[in-house]
Amino acid sequence: MRRAEFGEVAKWVSDAWESISAKTIVAGFRKAGLIPCVADGDVEESDSSESEDDSDVPAVLQTEVSALFVSDSEEDDFDGFE
């Protein structure tokens, strides 16, 4: 058996990531407590055949993700997870 090449593995990861809808990611973030929970009927776990639309992503998530990209945390020391 041969070892998979890094490019091949990267392609697998890229393909898998692209098959996940924004609604599924948001539902996972809510379940993990990373974004505020809303009423039970507001978020449905979706399959990969749905079309992605930024309107599916709550403004709270868009704001938090945007803040991560302008963060200066590269210079901060990582003290571990709580």
Protein backbone atom coordinates (compact mmCIF):
# COMPACT_ATOMS: atom_id res chain seq x y z
CA MET A 1 0.00 0.00 0.00
CA ARG A 2 1.38 3.42 -0.91
CA ARG A 3 1.17 6.57 1.16
CA ALA A 4 -1.23 9.24 -0.10
CA GLU A 5 0.46 12.36 -1.43
CA PHE A 6 -0.15 15.63 0.41
CA GLY A 7 -1.82 17.17 -2.64
CA GLU A 8 -4.21 14.24 -2.86
CA VAL A 9 -5.12 14.53 0.83
CA ALA A 10 -5.59 18.30 0.46
CA LYS A 11 -7.98 17.64 -2.43
CA TRP A 12 -10.00 15.20 -0.29
CA VAL A 13 -10.28 17.78 2.49
CA SER A 14 -11.21 20.54 0.05
CA ASP A 15 -13.89 18.40 -1.61
CA ALA A 16 -15.33 17.36 1.75
CA TRP A 17 -15.38 20.95 3.04
CA GLU A 18 -17.12 22.22 -0.11
CA SER A 19 -19.84 19.59 0.28
CA ILE A 20 -20.94 21.03 3.65
CA SER A 21 -23.63 23.71 3.56
CA ALA A 22 -23.47 26.94 5.57
CA LYS A 23 -26.59 25.86 7.49
CA THR A 24 -24.85 22.69 8.64
CA ILE A 25 -21.81 24.63 9.83
CA VAL A 26 -24.00 27.14 11.70
CA ALA A 27 -25.94 24.30 13.33
CA GLY A 28 -22.67 22.72 14.47
CA PHE A 29 -21.40 26.04 15.87
CA ARG A 30 -24.66 26.48 17.78
CA LYS A 31 -24.51 22.92 19.13
CA ALA A 32 -20.94 23.53 20.31
CA GLY A 33 -22.00 26.78 22.00
CA LEU A 34 -19.82 28.95 19.76
CA ILE A 35 -22.76 31.14 18.73
CA PRO A 36 -26.02 31.91 20.57
CA CYS A 37 -28.82 29.37 20.37
CA VAL A 38 -32.17 30.35 18.92
CA ALA A 39 -35.59 28.71 18.93
CA ASP A 40 -35.46 25.01 18.09
CA GLY A 41 -37.27 25.38 14.77
CA ASP A 42 -34.98 28.06 13.38
CA VAL A 43 -32.06 25.83 12.37
CA GLU A 44 -32.32 22.59 10.49
CA GLU A 45 -29.44 20.26 9.78
CA SER A 46 -29.12 20.25 6.01
CA ASP A 47 -27.73 17.91 3.44
CA SER A 48 -24.96 18.81 1.02
CA SER A 49 -27.30 19.23 -1.95
CA GLU A 50 -28.65 22.57 -0.72
CA SER A 51 -27.32 25.68 -2.35
CA GLU A 52 -25.27 27.90 -0.10
CA ASP A 53 -26.34 31.45 0.50
CA ASP A 54 -24.89 34.02 2.89
CA SER A 55 -28.44 34.82 3.99
CA ASP A 56 -28.44 31.42 5.75
CA VAL A 57 -25.55 32.52 7.98
CA PRO A 58 -26.62 34.62 10.96
CA ALA A 59 -25.17 38.12 11.31
CA VAL A 60 -23.67 37.13 14.68
CA LEU A 61 -21.53 34.49 13.00
CA GLN A 62 -20.52 36.77 10.14
CA THR A 63 -19.40 39.44 12.63
CA GLU A 64 -17.43 37.00 14.81
CA VAL A 65 -15.71 35.37 11.84
CA SER A 66 -14.84 38.77 10.35
CA ALA A 67 -13.29 39.81 13.66
CA LEU A 68 -11.02 36.75 13.56
CA PHE A 69 -9.52 37.87 10.27
CA VAL A 70 -8.54 41.30 11.57
CA SER A 71 -7.22 39.98 14.88
CA ASP A 72 -3.65 40.59 15.96
CA SER A 73 -3.60 37.31 17.86
CA GLU A 74 -0.49 36.09 16.01
CA GLU A 75 1.59 38.13 18.43
CA ASP A 76 -0.27 36.88 21.52
CA ASP A 77 0.89 33.87 23.49
CA PHE A 78 -1.42 30.87 23.48
CA ASP A 79 -2.23 29.86 27.07
CA GLY A 80 -4.35 26.84 26.17
CA PHE A 81 -8.05 26.14 26.17
CA GLU A 82 -10.25 26.85 29.15
